[in-house]
């Protein structure tokens, strides 16, 4: 059994350490033999504030970072997320058609995207040929909403509006295709259960069901585009001022996801379900009820802009949850931000790297190394493996198509701990230091 070991400890990233062998083992991880979902890749979101930050970076550092993020020989990010119109990390708020009553979408345009989002994507595509995207709106054009504003409100459930909005999705995919960029999926709405300060749109399960089966699905069917439609990006109910009328978690599954997926016609247009970090509360329920659907994680939890080691440990636990419960992809949120990571509306968030706008210094943050621990070793086509033993809750296990086994092991404990892996008659052991992350590649 040939073992390659890479480790990250706080303030010491990617340090080589010898693997130690022990005759007796107590804390053991064993493969059960069950293979779960196929992993299709890792990616992040192409946000305007991210591109602005990278353009402030030292040119050489910027090029090295983008190459490391997307090159097949490095992190190998092979897909990304883009907003249809503005999101909360856009420089300001906009849509692709703000001409009142433009039901035929004659004034539809992605000129704004050509300044920010598309150059960011083209840089990534230099290093990743097997590259695709999924897209979702944060808000429809304001003239299509019950409240003429990007934040808050709902879509007007009127025939003319819904036809135009379905066409809006199709036009966006076609416009990007004309720029040499393939959008393989559209997700109907970012966080449909959240009435936000930033671009957003509330949807009930009944309204989204009807939009999918009567408008969006038929529009893509007529277009001839191979683009998949996903029920995403699902979050969960908020119990605060943002949405006091939200159903409890016990009702949320039936009121939203099950209302849509149980409709045979609507489900027939859907390929899968995309879940935000807020959607983890219902992921098991949806996946158990609809095992024929595909599942992906669409946005990692945002953090507070401090980029701490502790938050990296928390995100590792999130990755464990999503892969153990059937996700085929894991999507990071901000791939780059300026120091402080603040949005246009005041939320400081974490990012894979930060850029000092005065010096241009680019710094890779702890969650960058977490993503690399997985994306560097876990290749497209890998299977998630089921495990048992004391280390199960600290380990994500995969098998690549070449037969290699990848174990990503994290410990948030305050003391060192003995890790032992057993597979058939072979085993190895290692001392895992406190607050550390390790990837073992077993060939």
Protein backbone atom coordinates (compact mmCIF):
# COMPACT_ATOMS: atom_id res chain seq x y z
CA UNK A 1 0.00 0.00 0.00
CA UNK A 2 1.68 3.23 -1.21
CA UNK A 3 0.66 6.28 0.79
CA UNK A 4 1.12 9.94 0.00
CA UNK A 5 0.43 12.30 2.89
CA UNK A 6 -0.17 16.05 2.80
CA UNK A 7 -0.98 18.01 5.95
CA UNK A 8 -2.17 21.47 6.97
CA UNK A 9 -1.72 22.64 10.52
CA UNK A 10 -2.56 26.12 11.74
CA UNK A 11 0.06 28.55 10.38
CA UNK A 12 1.81 25.66 8.61
CA UNK A 13 0.23 24.71 5.29
CA UNK A 14 1.13 21.77 3.04
CA UNK A 15 3.90 20.50 5.27
CA UNK A 16 5.32 17.05 4.42
CA UNK A 17 5.33 14.68 7.40
CA UNK A 18 6.28 11.00 7.67
CA UNK A 19 3.53 8.43 8.12
CA UNK A 20 4.08 6.26 11.19
CA UNK A 21 3.03 2.64 11.52
CA UNK A 22 1.70 1.00 14.65
CA UNK A 23 1.05 -2.67 15.33
CA UNK A 24 -1.98 -1.96 17.49
CA UNK A 25 -4.76 0.48 16.64
CA UNK A 26 -7.65 1.80 18.68
CA UNK A 27 -9.19 4.67 16.74
CA UNK A 28 -9.89 2.95 13.44
CA UNK A 29 -11.45 3.95 10.13
CA UNK A 30 -12.75 1.12 7.95
CA UNK A 31 -14.35 1.24 4.49
CA UNK A 32 -17.75 -0.44 4.44
CA UNK A 33 -17.56 -1.25 0.73
CA UNK A 34 -20.51 0.99 -0.13
CA UNK A 35 -19.91 3.51 -2.90
CA UNK A 36 -22.13 6.58 -2.96
CA UNK A 37 -22.47 9.46 -5.42
CA UNK A 38 -20.01 10.30 -8.17
CA UNK A 39 -18.08 13.52 -7.58
CA UNK A 40 -18.06 15.86 -10.58
CA UNK A 41 -15.88 18.65 -9.25
CA UNK A 42 -15.23 21.76 -7.22
CA UNK A 43 -15.68 25.43 -8.01
CA UNK A 44 -16.48 28.93 -6.82
CA UNK A 45 -18.60 31.93 -7.72
CA UNK A 46 -17.51 34.54 -10.26
CA UNK A 47 -18.45 37.67 -8.34
CA UNK A 48 -17.73 41.22 -9.49
CA UNK A 49 -16.11 42.17 -6.19
CA UNK A 50 -13.82 39.17 -6.59
CA UNK A 51 -12.66 40.29 -10.01
CA UNK A 52 -12.19 43.84 -8.76
CA UNK A 53 -9.97 42.51 -5.95
CA UNK A 54 -7.86 40.39 -8.31
CA UNK A 55 -7.38 43.36 -10.65
CA UNK A 56 -5.85 45.24 -7.70
CA UNK A 57 -3.40 42.43 -7.01
CA UNK A 58 0.20 42.31 -8.14
CA UNK A 59 -0.01 41.05 -11.73
CA UNK A 60 2.32 38.09 -11.26
CA UNK A 61 0.60 37.00 -8.05
CA UNK A 62 -2.79 37.31 -9.73
CA UNK A 63 -1.76 35.11 -12.66
CA UNK A 64 -0.17 32.52 -10.36
CA UNK A 65 -3.28 32.41 -8.19
CA UNK A 66 -5.73 31.98 -11.06
CA UNK A 67 -3.53 29.27 -12.55
CA UNK A 68 -3.30 27.45 -9.21
CA UNK A 69 -7.05 27.64 -8.73
CA UNK A 70 -8.08 26.31 -12.15
CA UNK A 71 -5.18 24.33 -13.59
CA UNK A 72 -5.76 20.58 -13.74
CA UNK A 73 -2.33 20.12 -12.13
CA UNK A 74 -3.30 22.27 -9.13
CA UNK A 75 -6.69 22.85 -7.47
CA UNK A 76 -8.41 21.94 -10.72
CA UNK A 77 -11.63 23.88 -10.21
CA UNK A 78 -13.69 22.72 -13.19
CA UNK A 79 -16.89 24.72 -12.88
CA UNK A 80 -18.21 27.95 -11.45
CA UNK A 81 -21.33 29.82 -10.52
CA UNK A 82 -22.46 33.11 -12.07
CA UNK A 83 -25.33 35.43 -11.19
CA UNK A 84 -27.99 36.27 -13.77
CA UNK A 85 -27.93 39.99 -13.10
CA UNK A 86 -26.61 41.35 -9.81
CA UNK A 87 -25.92 39.47 -6.60
CA UNK A 88 -24.88 40.79 -3.21
CA UNK A 89 -21.20 40.80 -4.23
CA UNK A 90 -21.72 42.81 -7.39
CA UNK A 91 -20.31 46.33 -7.48
CA UNK A 92 -23.88 47.62 -7.69
CA UNK A 93 -27.32 46.27 -8.55
CA UNK A 94 -28.55 45.68 -12.08
CA UNK A 95 -30.42 43.24 -14.31
CA UNK A 96 -30.06 42.29 -17.97
CA UNK A 97 -33.23 44.15 -18.96
CA UNK A 98 -34.58 47.10 -16.98
CA UNK A 99 -36.81 48.43 -19.77
CA UNK A 100 -40.32 48.61 -18.34
CA UNK A 101 -42.76 46.28 -20.11
CA UNK A 102 -40.17 44.78 -22.47
CA UNK A 103 -42.05 41.48 -22.75
CA UNK A 104 -40.21 40.56 -25.96
CA UNK A 105 -36.84 41.30 -24.29
CA UNK A 106 -35.69 43.49 -27.15
CA UNK A 107 -33.44 45.41 -24.75
CA UNK A 108 -31.87 42.36 -23.12
CA UNK A 109 -28.09 42.79 -22.74
CA UNK A 110 -25.06 41.29 -20.99
CA UNK A 111 -22.82 44.30 -21.68
CA UNK A 112 -22.27 44.69 -17.94
CA UNK A 113 -21.03 41.08 -17.71
CA UNK A 114 -18.49 41.74 -20.47
CA UNK A 115 -16.72 44.21 -18.18
CA UNK A 116 -16.44 42.04 -15.09
CA UNK A 117 -17.82 38.49 -15.01
CA UNK A 118 -16.85 37.30 -18.48
CA UNK A 119 -13.17 38.42 -18.28
CA UNK A 120 -12.94 36.57 -14.92
CA UNK A 121 -14.35 33.42 -16.53
CA UNK A 122 -12.08 33.68 -19.58
CA UNK A 123 -9.04 33.84 -17.30
CA UNK A 124 -10.16 30.63 -15.63
CA UNK A 125 -10.75 28.93 -18.98
CA UNK A 126 -7.09 29.47 -19.97
CA UNK A 127 -6.15 26.75 -17.50
CA UNK A 128 -9.22 24.48 -17.47
CA UNK A 129 -10.56 23.02 -20.73
CA UNK A 130 -13.13 20.81 -18.99
CA UNK A 131 -15.00 23.82 -17.68
CA UNK A 132 -18.66 24.65 -17.28
CA UNK A 133 -20.94 26.95 -15.31
CA UNK A 134 -24.26 27.09 -13.52
CA UNK A 135 -26.25 30.30 -13.30
CA UNK A 136 -28.96 31.62 -11.02
CA UNK A 137 -30.72 34.96 -10.55
CA UNK A 138 -30.79 36.79 -7.24
CA UNK A 139 -33.58 39.04 -8.54
CA UNK A 140 -35.66 39.27 -11.72
CA UNK A 141 -35.74 42.65 -13.50
CA UNK A 142 -37.52 45.02 -11.14
CA UNK A 143 -40.47 45.62 -13.48
CA UNK A 144 -41.33 41.93 -13.20
CA UNK A 145 -41.71 42.10 -9.39
CA UNK A 146 -44.52 42.97 -7.02
CA UNK A 147 -42.23 45.56 -5.50
CA UNK A 148 -40.18 47.51 -8.02
CA UNK A 149 -36.87 46.94 -6.25
CA UNK A 150 -34.01 44.48 -6.51
CA UNK A 151 -34.25 43.58 -2.85
CA UNK A 152 -37.40 42.12 -1.31
CA UNK A 153 -40.62 41.32 -3.19
CA UNK A 154 -41.88 38.49 -5.36
CA UNK A 155 -42.32 37.75 -9.06
CA UNK A 156 -45.66 38.87 -10.48
CA UNK A 157 -47.57 35.68 -11.22
CA UNK A 158 -48.95 37.02 -14.51
CA UNK A 159 -48.85 35.11 -17.77
CA UNK A 160 -47.00 37.81 -19.73
CA UNK A 161 -44.43 38.34 -16.98
CA UNK A 162 -43.77 34.62 -16.52
CA UNK A 163 -43.33 34.06 -20.26
CA UNK A 164 -40.90 36.97 -20.45
CA UNK A 165 -38.97 35.76 -17.40
CA UNK A 166 -38.60 32.24 -18.83
CA UNK A 167 -37.28 33.83 -22.02
CA UNK A 168 -34.89 35.90 -19.91
CA UNK A 169 -33.17 32.68 -18.71
CA UNK A 170 -32.91 31.35 -22.26
CA UNK A 171 -31.48 34.61 -23.60
CA UNK A 172 -28.86 34.66 -20.85
CA UNK A 173 -27.62 31.17 -21.74
CA UNK A 174 -27.60 32.01 -25.45
CA UNK A 175 -25.72 35.28 -24.87
CA UNK A 176 -23.00 33.54 -22.89
CA UNK A 177 -22.74 30.83 -25.52
CA UNK A 178 -22.03 33.60 -28.05
CA UNK A 179 -19.09 34.59 -25.82
CA UNK A 180 -17.70 31.05 -25.95
CA UNK A 181 -18.95 30.14 -22.47
CA UNK A 182 -21.13 27.10 -21.78
CA UNK A 183 -23.76 27.32 -19.06
CA UNK A 184 -24.78 23.75 -18.37
CA UNK A 185 -27.35 24.46 -15.64
CA UNK A 186 -29.75 27.17 -14.55
CA UNK A 187 -31.05 27.22 -10.99
CA UNK A 188 -34.39 28.95 -10.70
CA UNK A 189 -33.71 31.33 -7.80
CA UNK A 190 -30.96 32.06 -5.30
CA UNK A 191 -32.34 31.41 -1.80
CA UNK A 192 -36.07 31.55 -2.63
CA UNK A 193 -37.00 31.46 1.06
CA UNK A 194 -35.11 34.65 1.98
CA UNK A 195 -36.41 38.22 1.72
CA UNK A 196 -33.03 39.95 1.78
CA UNK A 197 -31.54 43.43 2.01
CA UNK A 198 -29.68 42.65 -1.21
CA UNK A 199 -31.06 41.38 -4.56
CA UNK A 200 -33.57 38.65 -3.77
CA UNK A 201 -37.00 37.28 -4.65
CA UNK A 202 -39.36 35.21 -2.51
CA UNK A 203 -41.08 32.18 -4.06
CA UNK A 204 -43.72 29.87 -2.64
CA UNK A 205 -43.52 26.20 -3.56
CA UNK A 206 -46.73 26.47 -5.60
CA UNK A 207 -45.52 29.48 -7.59
CA UNK A 208 -42.13 27.98 -8.41
CA UNK A 209 -43.76 24.67 -9.35
CA UNK A 210 -46.06 26.43 -11.81
CA UNK A 211 -43.27 28.58 -13.25
CA UNK A 212 -41.10 25.51 -13.89
CA UNK A 213 -43.74 23.29 -15.44
CA UNK A 214 -45.69 25.88 -17.43
CA UNK A 215 -43.03 28.42 -18.45
CA UNK A 216 -39.34 27.73 -17.77
CA UNK A 217 -39.30 24.06 -18.75
CA UNK A 218 -41.23 24.56 -22.01
CA UNK A 219 -39.07 27.62 -22.89
CA UNK A 220 -35.84 25.60 -22.71
CA UNK A 221 -37.51 22.71 -24.51
CA UNK A 222 -38.42 25.01 -27.40
CA UNK A 223 -34.94 26.58 -27.44
CA UNK A 224 -33.18 23.30 -28.16
CA UNK A 225 -30.47 24.19 -25.63
CA UNK A 226 -29.00 21.27 -23.65
CA UNK A 227 -29.04 23.37 -20.46
CA UNK A 228 -30.35 21.55 -17.39
CA UNK A 229 -32.90 23.10 -15.02
CA UNK A 230 -32.24 22.56 -11.32
CA UNK A 231 -34.39 23.20 -8.29
CA UNK A 232 -32.01 25.61 -6.64
CA UNK A 233 -30.57 27.19 -4.87
CA UNK A 234 -32.55 25.87 -1.91
CA UNK A 235 -32.00 27.51 1.45
CA UNK A 236 -34.16 27.18 4.54
CA UNK A 237 -36.70 29.24 6.46
CA UNK A 238 -35.46 32.23 8.41
CA UNK A 239 -36.93 32.88 11.86
CA UNK A 240 -36.33 36.61 12.09
CA UNK A 241 -37.36 39.93 10.63
CA UNK A 242 -36.41 38.78 7.12
CA UNK A 243 -39.19 36.25 6.88
CA UNK A 244 -41.42 36.00 9.97
CA UNK A 245 -44.01 34.03 8.01
CA UNK A 246 -41.56 31.19 7.25
CA UNK A 247 -42.76 27.68 7.95
CA UNK A 248 -40.93 25.65 10.62
CA UNK A 249 -38.32 23.19 9.36
CA UNK A 250 -40.75 20.32 9.88
CA UNK A 251 -43.12 21.96 7.37
CA UNK A 252 -40.54 23.48 5.01
CA UNK A 253 -39.89 20.24 3.11
CA UNK A 254 -43.56 19.77 2.22
CA UNK A 255 -44.33 23.45 1.67
CA UNK A 256 -41.49 24.04 -0.75
CA UNK A 257 -39.31 21.21 -2.09
CA UNK A 258 -41.91 18.44 -1.95
CA UNK A 259 -44.62 20.69 -3.40
CA UNK A 260 -42.44 21.12 -6.49
CA UNK A 261 -40.84 17.69 -6.79
CA UNK A 262 -44.04 15.72 -6.16
CA UNK A 263 -45.56 17.33 -9.25
CA UNK A 264 -44.74 14.90 -12.07
CA UNK A 265 -44.74 17.53 -14.80
CA UNK A 266 -42.49 19.95 -12.90
CA UNK A 267 -40.14 17.15 -11.84
CA UNK A 268 -39.89 16.02 -15.45
CA UNK A 269 -38.14 19.28 -16.34
CA UNK A 270 -35.72 19.10 -13.40
CA UNK A 271 -32.34 17.35 -13.39
CA UNK A 272 -31.37 17.90 -9.79
CA UNK A 273 -31.52 19.92 -6.60
CA UNK A 274 -28.97 22.58 -5.63
CA UNK A 275 -28.67 23.37 -1.94
CA UNK A 276 -27.12 26.43 -0.30
CA UNK A 277 -25.46 26.16 3.10
CA UNK A 278 -28.86 27.10 4.55
CA UNK A 279 -30.46 24.15 2.77
CA UNK A 280 -28.53 21.51 4.68
CA UNK A 281 -31.44 21.14 7.10
CA UNK A 282 -33.61 19.49 4.44
CA UNK A 283 -31.00 17.80 2.26
CA UNK A 284 -31.40 14.32 3.76
CA UNK A 285 -35.17 14.54 3.56
CA UNK A 286 -35.13 15.55 -0.12
CA UNK A 287 -32.44 13.05 -1.13
CA UNK A 288 -34.14 10.16 0.67
CA UNK A 289 -37.47 10.92 -0.99
CA UNK A 290 -36.09 11.57 -4.49
CA UNK A 291 -32.98 9.39 -4.88
CA UNK A 292 -33.26 9.56 -8.68
CA UNK A 293 -32.40 13.27 -8.63
CA UNK A 294 -28.87 14.64 -8.67
CA UNK A 295 -27.63 16.88 -5.85
CA UNK A 296 -25.01 19.58 -5.49
CA UNK A 297 -23.90 22.12 -2.92
CA UNK A 298 -24.21 25.59 -4.43
CA UNK A 299 -22.69 28.00 -1.90
CA UNK A 300 -20.35 27.52 1.04
CA UNK A 301 -21.11 29.36 4.27
CA UNK A 302 -19.88 32.95 4.07
CA UNK A 303 -18.04 33.65 7.32
CA UNK A 304 -17.25 37.05 8.82
CA UNK A 305 -14.31 38.33 6.79
CA UNK A 306 -11.74 37.28 9.41
CA UNK A 307 -10.72 34.09 7.57
CA UNK A 308 -9.91 32.22 10.74
CA UNK A 309 -8.59 28.69 11.10
CA UNK A 310 -11.65 27.89 13.22
CA UNK A 311 -14.02 28.79 10.39
CA UNK A 312 -12.01 26.61 8.02
CA UNK A 313 -12.56 23.71 10.43
CA UNK A 314 -16.27 24.48 10.40
CA UNK A 315 -16.38 24.49 6.58
CA UNK A 316 -14.61 21.12 6.53
CA UNK A 317 -17.50 19.76 8.62
CA UNK A 318 -19.93 21.26 6.11
CA UNK A 319 -18.12 19.53 3.25
CA UNK A 320 -18.28 16.26 5.17
CA UNK A 321 -22.05 16.67 5.54
CA UNK A 322 -22.75 17.47 1.88
CA UNK A 323 -20.61 14.71 0.41
CA UNK A 324 -21.90 12.14 2.91
CA UNK A 325 -25.45 13.05 1.89
CA UNK A 326 -25.11 12.84 -1.86
CA UNK A 327 -23.63 16.08 -3.23
CA UNK A 328 -21.76 15.64 -6.50
CA UNK A 329 -20.16 19.12 -6.39
CA UNK A 330 -19.02 21.58 -3.74
CA UNK A 331 -19.10 25.31 -4.52
CA UNK A 332 -17.11 27.89 -2.62
CA UNK A 333 -18.57 31.39 -2.47
CA UNK A 334 -16.01 34.23 -2.79
CA UNK A 335 -12.87 33.18 -4.63
CA UNK A 336 -11.22 36.56 -3.92
CA UNK A 337 -11.96 39.75 -1.97
CA UNK A 338 -10.13 42.81 -0.78
CA UNK A 339 -8.90 42.78 2.82
CA UNK A 340 -11.94 42.87 5.08
CA UNK A 341 -14.15 41.19 2.47
CA UNK A 342 -17.07 43.59 2.75
CA UNK A 343 -20.12 43.46 0.44
CA UNK A 344 -21.82 46.52 -1.05
CA UNK A 345 -24.41 46.31 1.73
CA UNK A 346 -22.03 45.81 4.64
CA UNK A 347 -21.53 42.07 5.30
CA UNK A 348 -17.88 41.11 5.78
CA UNK A 349 -17.27 37.62 4.39
CA UNK A 350 -14.48 35.10 3.97
CA UNK A 351 -12.74 34.29 0.70
CA UNK A 352 -10.17 31.90 -0.71
CA UNK A 353 -7.69 34.76 -1.02
CA UNK A 354 -7.52 38.39 0.03
CA UNK A 355 -5.85 41.32 -1.72
CA UNK A 356 -4.39 44.39 -0.06
CA UNK A 357 -5.58 47.25 -2.30
CA UNK A 358 -2.66 49.48 -1.32
CA UNK A 359 0.21 47.02 -1.86
CA UNK A 360 -1.37 44.49 -4.24
CA UNK A 361 -0.26 41.67 -1.94
CA UNK A 362 -2.38 38.52 -2.47
CA UNK A 363 -2.73 36.13 0.47
CA UNK A 364 -4.19 32.63 0.29
CA UNK A 365 -6.48 32.08 3.26
CA UNK A 366 -7.09 28.86 5.26
CA UNK A 367 -10.20 27.89 3.28
CA UNK A 368 -8.14 27.95 0.07
CA UNK A 369 -5.99 25.16 1.48
CA UNK A 370 -9.07 23.26 2.62
CA UNK A 371 -10.48 23.35 -0.90
CA UNK A 372 -7.12 22.30 -2.34
CA UNK A 373 -6.89 19.34 0.04
CA UNK A 374 -9.93 17.93 -1.73
CA UNK A 375 -9.87 19.36 -5.25
CA UNK A 376 -6.19 18.52 -5.90
CA UNK A 377 -6.59 14.83 -5.06
CA UNK A 378 -10.28 14.06 -5.66
CA UNK A 379 -10.69 13.82 -9.42
CA UNK A 380 -13.82 14.12 -11.52
CA UNK A 381 -15.54 10.73 -11.53
CA UNK A 382 -14.47 9.77 -8.00
CA UNK A 383 -16.95 7.94 -5.78
CA UNK A 384 -17.74 8.95 -2.22
CA UNK A 385 -17.03 5.97 0.06
CA UNK A 386 -18.96 5.00 3.16
CA UNK A 387 -16.89 4.39 6.30
CA UNK A 388 -17.32 3.16 9.85
CA UNK A 389 -15.28 3.53 13.02
CA UNK A 390 -14.32 6.23 15.49
CA UNK A 391 -12.92 8.49 12.75
CA UNK A 392 -15.99 8.46 10.50
CA UNK A 393 -17.22 11.90 11.56
CA UNK A 394 -13.75 13.37 10.90
CA UNK A 395 -13.06 11.81 7.50
CA UNK A 396 -14.33 12.19 3.94
CA UNK A 397 -13.33 9.18 1.84
CA UNK A 398 -13.24 8.90 -1.96
CA UNK A 399 -12.14 6.43 -4.60
CA UNK A 400 -10.78 7.87 -7.84
CA UNK A 401 -11.34 6.18 -11.19
CA UNK A 402 -7.72 4.91 -11.09
CA UNK A 403 -8.53 2.99 -7.90
CA UNK A 404 -6.63 5.31 -5.54
CA UNK A 405 -8.32 6.01 -2.22
CA UNK A 406 -8.35 9.56 -0.87
CA UNK A 407 -8.90 10.20 2.83
CA UNK A 408 -9.35 13.80 3.95
CA UNK A 409 -9.00 13.77 7.73
CA UNK A 410 -9.61 16.74 10.01
CA UNK A 411 -9.34 17.13 13.75
CA UNK A 412 -10.75 20.10 15.69
CA UNK A 413 -9.68 18.59 19.01
CA UNK A 414 -7.25 20.27 21.40
CA UNK A 415 -5.02 17.23 21.71
CA UNK A 416 -3.25 14.91 19.30
CA UNK A 417 -4.95 11.69 18.33
CA UNK A 418 -3.97 8.37 16.75
CA UNK A 419 -5.52 7.78 13.32
CA UNK A 420 -5.55 4.24 11.89
CA UNK A 421 -6.96 3.20 8.55
CA UNK A 422 -7.72 -0.44 7.76
CA UNK A 423 -8.53 -1.80 4.33
CA UNK A 424 -8.64 -5.57 4.00
CA UNK A 425 -5.43 -6.96 5.50
CA UNK A 426 -3.53 -3.68 5.13
CA UNK A 427 -3.43 -0.73 7.46
CA UNK A 428 -1.43 2.34 8.41
CA UNK A 429 -1.43 4.73 11.34
CA UNK A 430 -0.48 8.35 11.92
CA UNK A 431 -0.50 10.83 14.76
CA UNK A 432 -2.93 13.65 13.91
CA UNK A 433 -1.94 16.88 15.68
CA UNK A 434 -4.53 19.18 17.28
CA UNK A 435 -6.46 21.43 14.89
CA UNK A 436 -5.04 20.03 11.68
CA UNK A 437 -6.15 18.80 8.28
CA UNK A 438 -4.62 15.88 6.36
CA UNK A 439 -5.08 14.18 3.01
CA UNK A 440 -3.85 10.62 2.55
CA UNK A 441 -3.63 9.26 -1.01
CA UNK A 442 -3.48 5.46 -1.00
CA UNK A 443 -2.56 3.65 -4.21
